[in-house]
Protein backbone atom coordinates (compact mmCIF):
# COMPACT_ATOMS: atom_id res chain seq x y z
CA MET A 1 36.65 4.37 20.40
CA LYS A 2 34.61 7.48 19.42
CA ASP A 3 35.59 7.11 15.72
CA CYS A 4 34.62 3.46 15.69
CA LYS A 5 31.27 4.35 17.26
CA MET A 6 30.63 7.02 14.66
CA GLN A 7 31.59 4.71 11.85
CA GLY A 8 29.16 2.19 12.99
CA ILE A 9 26.33 4.75 13.28
CA SER A 10 27.15 6.15 9.77
CA SER A 11 27.24 2.68 8.24
CA GLY A 12 23.90 1.94 9.89
CA VAL A 13 22.39 5.09 8.36
CA SER A 14 23.88 4.44 5.02
CA LEU A 15 22.45 0.96 5.04
CA LEU A 16 19.17 2.12 6.18
CA ILE A 17 18.95 4.72 3.30
CA LEU A 18 19.98 2.06 0.85
CA ARG A 19 17.28 -0.33 2.27
CA PHE A 20 14.77 2.51 1.88
CA PHE A 21 15.82 3.26 -1.69
CA LEU A 22 15.50 -0.36 -2.84
CA ALA A 23 12.22 -0.91 -0.84
CA TRP A 24 10.69 2.14 -2.74
CA GLU A 25 11.88 0.88 -6.24
CA PHE A 26 10.60 -2.70 -5.74
CA LEU A 27 7.47 -1.63 -3.98
CA GLU A 28 6.57 0.76 -6.88
CA ALA A 29 7.10 -2.11 -9.36
CA GLY A 30 4.82 -4.43 -7.35
CA LEU A 31 2.10 -1.84 -7.03
CA GLU A 32 2.26 -1.47 -10.93
CA LYS A 33 1.83 -5.05 -11.23
CA TRP A 34 -1.04 -5.01 -8.70
CA ASN A 35 -3.00 -2.42 -10.62
CA GLY A 36 -1.89 -3.69 -14.08
CA GLN A 37 -2.41 -6.40 -16.50
CA ASN A 38 -0.31 -9.66 -16.77
CA TRP A 39 2.11 -8.95 -19.55
CA PHE A 40 4.29 -12.03 -18.63
CA THR A 41 2.36 -14.17 -21.01
CA GLU A 42 3.78 -12.16 -23.87
CA ILE A 43 7.39 -12.88 -22.74
CA GLN A 44 6.96 -16.26 -21.12
CA ASP A 45 9.13 -17.99 -23.83
CA ARG A 46 12.16 -15.63 -22.98
CA PHE A 47 12.23 -16.59 -19.23
CA PRO A 48 15.34 -18.59 -18.13
CA PHE A 49 14.98 -22.14 -16.86
CA PRO A 50 13.18 -23.09 -14.72
CA PHE A 51 10.90 -19.93 -14.66
CA ASN A 52 9.89 -20.79 -18.36
CA LEU A 53 8.28 -23.92 -17.17
CA ILE A 54 6.12 -22.21 -14.59
CA PRO A 55 2.84 -20.81 -15.93
CA ALA A 56 2.86 -17.02 -16.62
CA ASP A 57 0.18 -16.31 -14.11
CA ILE A 58 2.14 -17.94 -11.23
CA ASN A 59 5.23 -16.07 -12.33
CA TRP A 60 3.29 -12.79 -12.31
CA HIS A 61 1.85 -13.47 -8.91
CA VAL A 62 5.30 -14.69 -7.45
CA ALA A 63 7.07 -11.50 -8.88
CA MET A 64 4.28 -9.21 -7.68
CA GLY A 65 4.14 -10.83 -4.28
CA SER A 66 7.91 -10.41 -3.96
CA GLU A 67 7.89 -6.87 -4.92
CA LEU A 68 5.22 -6.21 -2.40
CA ILE A 69 6.38 -8.26 0.62
CA PHE A 70 10.25 -8.12 0.51
CA PRO A 71 10.44 -4.26 0.42
CA PHE A 72 8.63 -4.22 3.75
CA LEU A 73 11.18 -6.54 5.11
CA LEU A 74 14.02 -4.32 3.91
CA ILE A 75 12.35 -1.32 5.44
CA PHE A 76 12.33 -2.91 8.89
CA GLY A 77 15.48 -4.86 8.40
CA VAL A 78 14.03 -8.22 8.88
CA LEU A 79 15.45 -11.12 7.08
CA THR A 80 17.43 -8.66 5.01
CA ARG A 81 19.88 -10.97 3.34
CA PHE A 82 17.08 -13.46 2.37
CA SER A 83 15.01 -10.54 0.92
CA ALA A 84 17.91 -9.02 -0.89
CA LEU A 85 18.80 -12.35 -2.41
CA SER A 86 15.27 -12.98 -3.45
CA LEU A 87 14.97 -9.55 -5.14
CA THR A 88 18.43 -10.27 -6.87
CA ILE A 89 16.96 -13.46 -8.27
CA LEU A 90 13.87 -11.62 -9.30
CA ILE A 91 15.68 -8.77 -11.09
CA SER A 92 18.08 -11.21 -12.78
CA VAL A 93 15.29 -12.90 -14.43
CA ALA A 94 13.94 -9.56 -15.57
CA TRP A 95 17.33 -8.70 -16.79
CA TYR A 96 17.63 -11.92 -18.74
CA SER A 97 14.08 -11.76 -20.00
CA ILE A 98 13.51 -8.10 -20.79
CA HIS A 99 16.59 -5.90 -20.70
CA ALA A 100 19.57 -8.07 -21.89
CA ASP A 101 18.83 -7.60 -25.54
CA SER A 102 18.27 -3.75 -25.26
CA GLY A 103 21.82 -2.62 -24.66
CA TYR A 104 22.88 -0.60 -21.56
CA ASN A 105 21.07 2.62 -21.99
CA VAL A 106 18.21 3.21 -19.71
CA CYS A 107 16.11 5.09 -22.33
CA ASP A 108 16.18 2.05 -24.45
CA ASN A 109 14.90 -0.20 -21.66
CA GLY A 110 18.54 -1.38 -21.35
CA TYR A 111 20.10 -3.33 -18.53
CA LYS A 112 21.71 -0.22 -16.62
CA LEU A 113 18.98 0.01 -14.10
CA PRO A 114 18.74 -3.75 -13.35
CA LEU A 115 22.59 -3.76 -13.01
CA ILE A 116 22.40 -1.01 -10.48
CA TYR A 117 19.72 -2.85 -8.46
CA VAL A 118 21.93 -5.97 -8.53
CA VAL A 119 24.96 -4.11 -7.30
CA THR A 120 23.05 -2.35 -4.52
CA LEU A 121 21.32 -5.65 -3.55
CA LEU A 122 24.76 -7.30 -3.27
CA ILE A 123 25.70 -4.78 -0.75
CA LEU A 124 22.74 -5.83 1.58
CA ILE A 125 23.48 -9.47 0.83
CA THR A 126 27.10 -9.15 2.02
CA GLN A 127 26.76 -6.55 4.78
CA GLY A 128 23.24 -7.22 6.12
CA ALA A 129 20.84 -4.65 7.40
CA GLY A 130 23.21 -2.66 9.58
CA LYS A 131 22.75 -1.50 13.08
CA LEU A 132 19.49 0.27 12.50
CA SER A 133 17.33 -2.88 11.91
CA LEU A 134 15.26 -5.43 13.56
CA ASP A 135 17.80 -8.07 12.51
CA THR A 136 20.26 -6.36 14.85
CA LEU A 137 17.80 -6.06 17.64
CA ILE A 138 16.91 -9.71 17.46
CA LYS A 139 20.61 -10.63 17.54
CA LYS A 140 20.91 -8.48 20.79
CA VAL A 141 17.88 -10.05 22.48
CA TYR A 142 18.66 -13.67 21.24
CA PRO A 143 22.42 -13.57 20.82
CA THR A 144 22.95 -17.41 20.71
CA LYS A 145 19.71 -18.30 18.87
CA LYS A 146 19.27 -18.68 15.21
CA LEU A 147 16.34 -16.78 13.72
CA VAL A 148 14.40 -20.21 13.19
CA GLU A 149 14.67 -21.07 16.80
CA ILE A 150 13.29 -17.63 18.11
CA PRO A 151 9.59 -18.37 17.54
CA LEU A 152 10.12 -21.89 19.28
CA THR A 153 11.49 -20.11 22.24
CA ILE A 154 8.83 -17.62 22.45
CA TYR A 155 6.18 -20.51 22.08
CA SER A 156 7.93 -22.58 24.88
CA ILE A 157 8.04 -19.57 27.10
CA SER A 158 4.38 -18.85 26.71
CA ASN A 159 3.38 -22.42 27.23
CA SER A 160 5.47 -22.74 30.47
CA ARG A 161 3.71 -19.68 31.84
CA ARG A 162 0.27 -20.95 31.02
CA PHE A 163 0.76 -24.22 33.00
CA LYS A 164 1.95 -22.78 36.17
């Protein structure tokens, strides 16, 4: 029993460290976009379908917003699988548009780093946030509720108290 508990704790810590690592990397990229110029107009024709149909300014803002919002969700462990999947789509578009033709080497702006991000994001997609997350806390507080039902439950509780 003690070994099983220790394994759960070490798994939770490992996933927390992984979430922090990925959050830092994507947040840093988002802040660079926030403070930089839109260079998506230069590579818009290399975006895969359907992203090549979306104007470069919208793609820029969606990418920047994703890189600024989803890292915070990863840090707190909220909607972790959704955040990791969204960031996987984002990095896959970057891989296809920017890194695919540059080879494997990081020094040549190759696809090694995006590949590392995809592999680490897949861990969060399959494993979730782990024990040290708000996702786990929400499951403990509302064990039979789906995440979408929780705000409705809170709303109905607050309304029933108001009318008493």
